[in-house]
Protein backbone atom coordinates (compact mmCIF):
# COMPACT_ATOMS: atom_id res chain seq x y z
CA UNK A 1 55.85 11.54 37.36
CA UNK A 2 52.72 12.94 35.63
CA UNK A 3 50.79 10.40 33.73
CA UNK A 4 49.85 11.42 30.14
CA UNK A 5 46.68 9.61 30.42
CA UNK A 6 45.76 11.43 33.74
CA UNK A 7 46.82 14.78 32.88
CA UNK A 8 44.71 16.06 35.85
CA UNK A 9 47.94 15.17 37.78
CA UNK A 10 50.34 17.47 36.79
CA UNK A 11 50.10 21.65 37.20
CA UNK A 12 47.43 23.71 36.11
CA UNK A 13 49.25 25.29 33.40
CA UNK A 14 49.97 21.86 32.01
CA UNK A 15 46.52 20.85 32.24
CA UNK A 16 45.30 23.99 30.25
CA UNK A 17 48.06 23.11 27.65
CA UNK A 18 46.85 19.59 26.95
CA UNK A 19 43.23 20.74 26.35
CA UNK A 20 42.45 21.37 22.59
CA UNK A 21 40.60 24.23 21.56
CA UNK A 22 36.84 23.72 21.29
CA UNK A 23 36.79 24.19 17.63
CA UNK A 24 39.36 21.22 17.22
CA UNK A 25 37.14 18.80 19.32
CA UNK A 26 35.83 16.27 17.01
CA UNK A 27 32.54 15.44 17.23
CA UNK A 28 30.39 12.30 15.97
CA UNK A 29 28.62 12.68 12.56
CA UNK A 30 25.06 13.49 12.82
CA UNK A 31 23.10 10.46 12.26
CA UNK A 32 21.06 10.39 8.83
CA UNK A 33 17.43 11.16 8.85
CA UNK A 34 15.72 7.70 9.63
CA UNK A 35 12.66 8.96 7.37
CA UNK A 36 14.56 9.37 4.36
CA UNK A 37 14.08 7.26 1.29
CA UNK A 38 16.86 6.70 -1.44
CA UNK A 39 15.46 4.15 -3.63
CA UNK A 40 17.24 2.72 -6.80
CA UNK A 41 14.37 3.92 -9.06
CA UNK A 42 12.86 7.16 -10.34
CA UNK A 43 9.55 8.62 -10.54
CA UNK A 44 9.81 8.03 -14.25
CA UNK A 45 9.83 4.23 -13.44
CA UNK A 46 6.67 4.49 -11.41
CA UNK A 47 5.18 6.18 -14.45
CA UNK A 48 6.24 3.38 -16.69
CA UNK A 49 4.66 0.94 -13.76
CA UNK A 50 1.53 2.68 -13.99
CA UNK A 51 1.58 2.63 -17.93
CA UNK A 52 1.95 -1.04 -17.89
CA UNK A 53 -0.72 -1.72 -15.55
CA UNK A 54 -3.28 0.13 -18.10
CA UNK A 55 -2.00 -1.51 -21.02
CA UNK A 56 -2.16 -4.91 -19.50
CA UNK A 57 -5.81 -4.35 -18.58
CA UNK A 58 -6.67 -3.20 -21.77
CA UNK A 59 -5.09 -6.10 -23.86
CA UNK A 60 -6.04 -8.69 -21.40
CA UNK A 61 -9.72 -7.35 -21.32
CA UNK A 62 -9.77 -7.29 -25.17
CA UNK A 63 -8.90 -11.06 -25.30
CA UNK A 64 -10.71 -12.46 -22.45
CA UNK A 65 -14.03 -10.35 -22.71
CA UNK A 66 -15.11 -11.16 -26.37
CA UNK A 67 -14.47 -15.07 -25.44
CA UNK A 68 -16.71 -14.96 -22.25
CA UNK A 69 -19.26 -12.87 -24.13
CA UNK A 70 -19.62 -15.69 -27.04
CA UNK A 71 -19.74 -18.42 -24.34
CA UNK A 72 -22.56 -16.41 -22.39
CA UNK A 73 -24.05 -15.41 -25.69
CA UNK A 74 -24.34 -11.78 -24.77
CA UNK A 75 -22.76 -8.40 -26.02
CA UNK A 76 -19.20 -7.94 -24.57
CA UNK A 77 -20.49 -4.33 -23.13
CA UNK A 78 -23.05 -6.42 -21.07
CA UNK A 79 -23.09 -6.03 -17.33
CA UNK A 80 -23.13 -9.80 -17.34
CA UNK A 81 -19.42 -9.67 -18.54
CA UNK A 82 -18.04 -6.24 -17.32
CA UNK A 83 -19.61 -6.58 -13.73
CA UNK A 84 -19.08 -10.47 -13.24
CA UNK A 85 -16.15 -11.31 -11.00
CA UNK A 86 -15.51 -14.59 -12.55
CA UNK A 87 -14.27 -12.57 -15.61
CA UNK A 88 -13.18 -9.17 -14.17
CA UNK A 89 -11.09 -10.95 -11.34
CA UNK A 90 -9.07 -13.04 -13.45
CA UNK A 91 -8.22 -10.12 -15.96
CA UNK A 92 -7.18 -7.98 -13.18
CA UNK A 93 -5.21 -10.89 -11.46
CA UNK A 94 -3.28 -11.31 -14.74
CA UNK A 95 -2.75 -7.68 -15.18
CA UNK A 96 -1.40 -7.51 -11.71
CA UNK A 97 1.07 -10.41 -12.45
CA UNK A 98 2.27 -8.53 -15.26
CA UNK A 99 2.83 -5.42 -13.16
CA UNK A 100 4.66 -7.45 -10.62
CA UNK A 101 6.99 -8.80 -13.35
CA UNK A 102 7.52 -5.19 -14.73
CA UNK A 103 8.60 -4.27 -11.17
CA UNK A 104 11.02 -6.99 -10.98
CA UNK A 105 12.47 -6.19 -14.28
CA UNK A 106 13.06 -2.61 -13.18
CA UNK A 107 15.26 -3.84 -9.99
CA UNK A 108 16.75 -6.56 -11.97
CA UNK A 109 18.22 -4.09 -14.63
CA UNK A 110 19.72 -2.27 -11.81
CA UNK A 111 21.20 -5.28 -10.23
CA UNK A 112 19.12 -4.94 -7.10
CA UNK A 113 17.28 -7.80 -5.40
CA UNK A 114 13.33 -7.03 -5.58
CA UNK A 115 12.13 -7.84 -2.04
CA UNK A 116 15.04 -6.16 -0.09
CA UNK A 117 15.07 -3.18 -2.43
CA UNK A 118 11.41 -2.40 -1.97
CA UNK A 119 11.88 -2.84 1.65
CA UNK A 120 9.28 -5.89 2.14
CA UNK A 121 11.14 -6.54 5.49
CA UNK A 122 8.62 -9.32 6.97
CA UNK A 123 8.09 -8.20 10.80
CA UNK A 124 8.79 -11.88 12.00
CA UNK A 125 6.50 -12.70 15.08
CA UNK A 126 4.95 -9.53 15.14
CA UNK A 127 3.02 -10.20 11.99
CA UNK A 128 -0.18 -10.94 13.73
CA UNK A 129 -0.17 -7.51 15.98
CA UNK A 130 -0.03 -5.72 12.25
CA UNK A 131 -3.04 -7.78 11.11
CA UNK A 132 -4.89 -7.13 14.25
CA UNK A 133 -4.31 -3.41 13.82
CA UNK A 134 -5.73 -3.58 10.25
CA UNK A 135 -8.80 -5.27 11.70
CA UNK A 136 -9.13 -2.38 14.34
CA UNK A 137 -8.71 0.13 11.61
CA UNK A 138 -11.56 -1.53 9.55
CA UNK A 139 -14.06 -1.32 12.60
CA UNK A 140 -13.06 2.39 13.38
CA UNK A 141 -13.53 3.18 9.36
CA UNK A 142 -16.77 1.26 9.32
CA UNK A 143 -18.06 2.98 12.56
CA UNK A 144 -16.89 6.33 11.42
CA UNK A 145 -19.08 5.74 8.03
CA UNK A 146 -22.29 5.70 10.12
CA UNK A 147 -21.66 9.55 10.68
CA UNK A 148 -20.75 10.57 7.16
CA UNK A 149 -22.86 10.73 4.10
CA UNK A 150 -21.95 7.57 2.58
CA UNK A 151 -23.94 6.50 -0.46
CA UNK A 152 -26.13 3.58 0.22
CA UNK A 153 -25.13 2.05 -3.44
CA UNK A 154 -21.77 2.50 -5.33
CA UNK A 155 -20.40 0.95 -8.38
CA UNK A 156 -18.56 -1.53 -6.53
CA UNK A 157 -21.74 -3.16 -5.19
CA UNK A 158 -22.50 -4.45 -8.64
CA UNK A 159 -19.69 -6.93 -8.28
CA UNK A 160 -21.59 -8.89 -5.83
CA UNK A 161 -24.26 -10.67 -7.66
CA UNK A 162 -24.13 -14.03 -6.01
CA UNK A 163 -22.33 -15.95 -3.42
CA UNK A 164 -19.62 -17.55 -5.69
CA UNK A 165 -18.92 -14.11 -6.75
CA UNK A 166 -18.70 -12.50 -3.44
CA UNK A 167 -16.31 -15.34 -2.20
CA UNK A 168 -13.93 -14.64 -5.22
CA UNK A 169 -14.18 -10.87 -4.40
CA UNK A 170 -13.21 -11.35 -0.86
CA UNK A 171 -10.41 -13.76 -1.47
CA UNK A 172 -8.86 -11.33 -4.20
CA UNK A 173 -9.56 -8.22 -1.92
CA UNK A 174 -7.50 -9.93 1.11
CA UNK A 175 -4.57 -11.34 -1.03
CA UNK A 176 -3.49 -10.11 -4.25
CA UNK A 177 -5.28 -6.88 -4.29
CA UNK A 178 -3.73 -5.31 -1.06
CA UNK A 179 -0.17 -7.08 -2.15
CA UNK A 180 0.10 -5.12 -5.48
CA UNK A 181 -1.62 -2.04 -4.06
CA UNK A 182 0.96 -1.93 -1.21
CA UNK A 183 3.86 -2.75 -3.71
CA UNK A 184 2.95 -0.05 -6.16
CA UNK A 185 1.84 2.66 -3.51
CA UNK A 186 3.95 2.24 -0.53
CA UNK A 187 6.88 0.10 -2.18
CA UNK A 188 7.46 2.07 -5.47
CA UNK A 189 5.43 5.53 -5.31
CA UNK A 190 6.12 6.50 -1.57
CA UNK A 191 9.87 6.30 -1.40
CA UNK A 192 10.48 8.35 -4.32
CA UNK A 193 8.02 10.94 -3.51
CA UNK A 194 9.95 10.95 0.04
CA UNK A 195 13.33 11.52 -1.74
CA UNK A 196 12.05 14.60 -3.56
CA UNK A 197 9.40 15.99 -1.08
CA UNK A 198 10.21 14.60 2.37
CA UNK A 199 7.84 12.99 4.83
CA UNK A 200 4.78 15.04 5.04
CA UNK A 201 4.16 15.81 1.52
CA UNK A 202 5.00 12.09 0.59
CA UNK A 203 2.39 10.85 3.20
CA UNK A 204 -0.31 13.11 1.83
CA UNK A 205 0.32 12.59 -2.02
CA UNK A 206 0.31 8.91 -1.55
CA UNK A 207 -2.54 8.74 0.59
CA UNK A 208 -4.29 10.82 -1.90
CA UNK A 209 -3.32 8.87 -4.74
CA UNK A 210 -4.47 5.52 -2.83
CA UNK A 211 -7.81 7.15 -2.43
CA UNK A 212 -8.20 8.36 -6.08
CA UNK A 213 -7.46 4.66 -7.06
CA UNK A 214 -10.79 3.66 -5.72
CA UNK A 215 -12.94 6.83 -6.74
CA UNK A 216 -14.59 4.98 -9.66
CA UNK A 217 -15.59 2.08 -7.34
CA UNK A 218 -17.12 4.75 -4.80
CA UNK A 219 -18.93 6.77 -7.23
CA UNK A 220 -16.46 9.54 -6.71
CA UNK A 221 -18.38 10.29 -3.48
CA UNK A 222 -16.35 12.58 -1.04
CA UNK A 223 -17.18 10.70 2.19
CA UNK A 224 -16.07 7.20 1.51
CA UNK A 225 -12.99 8.79 -0.53
CA UNK A 226 -12.10 10.55 2.65
CA UNK A 227 -12.32 7.45 4.74
CA UNK A 228 -10.05 5.69 2.09
CA UNK A 229 -7.66 8.87 2.55
CA UNK A 230 -7.32 8.24 6.00
CA UNK A 231 -6.70 4.44 5.52
CA UNK A 232 -3.74 5.35 2.80
CA UNK A 233 -2.30 7.95 5.57
CA UNK A 234 -2.22 5.07 8.37
CA UNK A 235 -0.69 2.57 5.74
CA UNK A 236 1.80 4.95 4.51
CA UNK A 237 2.89 5.95 7.76
CA UNK A 238 3.06 2.16 8.80
CA UNK A 239 5.24 1.77 5.83
CA UNK A 240 7.46 4.97 6.76
CA UNK A 241 8.00 3.98 10.41
CA UNK A 242 8.76 0.46 9.97
CA UNK A 243 10.45 0.62 6.80
CA UNK A 244 8.47 -2.52 5.92
CA UNK A 245 5.92 -2.79 2.91
CA UNK A 246 5.14 -6.16 4.61
CA UNK A 247 3.98 -4.37 7.67
CA UNK A 248 1.56 -2.12 5.66
CA UNK A 249 0.29 -5.19 3.75
CA UNK A 250 -0.78 -7.18 6.85
CA UNK A 251 -2.41 -3.84 7.96
CA UNK A 252 -4.04 -3.65 4.74
CA UNK A 253 -5.19 -7.36 4.58
CA UNK A 254 -6.40 -7.04 8.08
CA UNK A 255 -8.41 -4.03 7.20
CA UNK A 256 -10.10 -5.62 4.14
CA UNK A 257 -10.66 -8.69 5.84
CA UNK A 258 -12.84 -6.99 8.65
CA UNK A 259 -14.87 -5.26 5.77
CA UNK A 260 -15.47 -8.72 4.06
CA UNK A 261 -16.38 -10.24 7.49
CA UNK A 262 -18.65 -7.61 8.18
CA UNK A 263 -20.72 -8.01 4.70
CA UNK A 264 -20.42 -11.99 5.19
CA UNK A 265 -22.51 -11.45 8.36
CA UNK A 266 -24.53 -8.56 7.30
CA UNK A 267 -25.78 -10.68 4.12
CA UNK A 268 -26.32 -14.17 5.73
CA UNK A 269 -23.08 -15.65 4.70
CA UNK A 270 -23.33 -13.79 1.24
CA UNK A 271 -26.76 -15.54 0.77
CA UNK A 272 -28.81 -12.43 0.57
CA UNK A 273 -26.60 -9.70 -1.18
CA UNK A 274 -29.58 -7.50 -1.38
CA UNK A 275 -28.87 -6.54 2.02
CA UNK A 276 -25.81 -4.65 1.14
CA UNK A 277 -28.21 -1.76 -0.09
């Protein structure tokens, strides 16, 4: 007797009758695009985050700078105030915390967990590999700068007035600064651009926005901005490839660490900051 599970045992015509037409054969559904993002926030939310950052900086600056000016006995517009890391960094740090709180509120109102929604996704035991990638990136970018017309002095250098200020800048630049930049650019901005424009355009636009953030610090010079753009591309690609903002943060922190360590050696442990120029 022919077996239903083994139709090959029957006559040829029976076999033909049991084979479904090709149009009726069910096929597995195609896999979703692994690069596509669908965050629970909108581009309008990203604009609101940016506005909160600007407002927080203005309000905190208006509150803290006059107090610091009175204590130092100098005008509030003096370079001793505006270019003093002991004053500028607390203002920026408090503004960043206000922005972080607003980011949390955005997701809280949508009843979404914050770190999971921004795809923090810490890479576990591979964290050191990402940190080392950032360090290698730092050496490559620093080496490439030797072949480009990078200005010898940029506005960013004015924050390095003494060793204490330099150490404060280094700590801030390795911790809170890359954390908040990654949360904004790779955590919030990139996903909404990706959803609307796709991978390639979102990579380029996010990296471009990242480089423009540093434009004033780098005197709007095209060479250092181009290098920052390349860094932004690497960071955004890492975020897109791994679906992990923590990975891009580690690369970013490693990159910044390399720059500050090179600066530390070049200035004799921040004792001769005039060597920066």
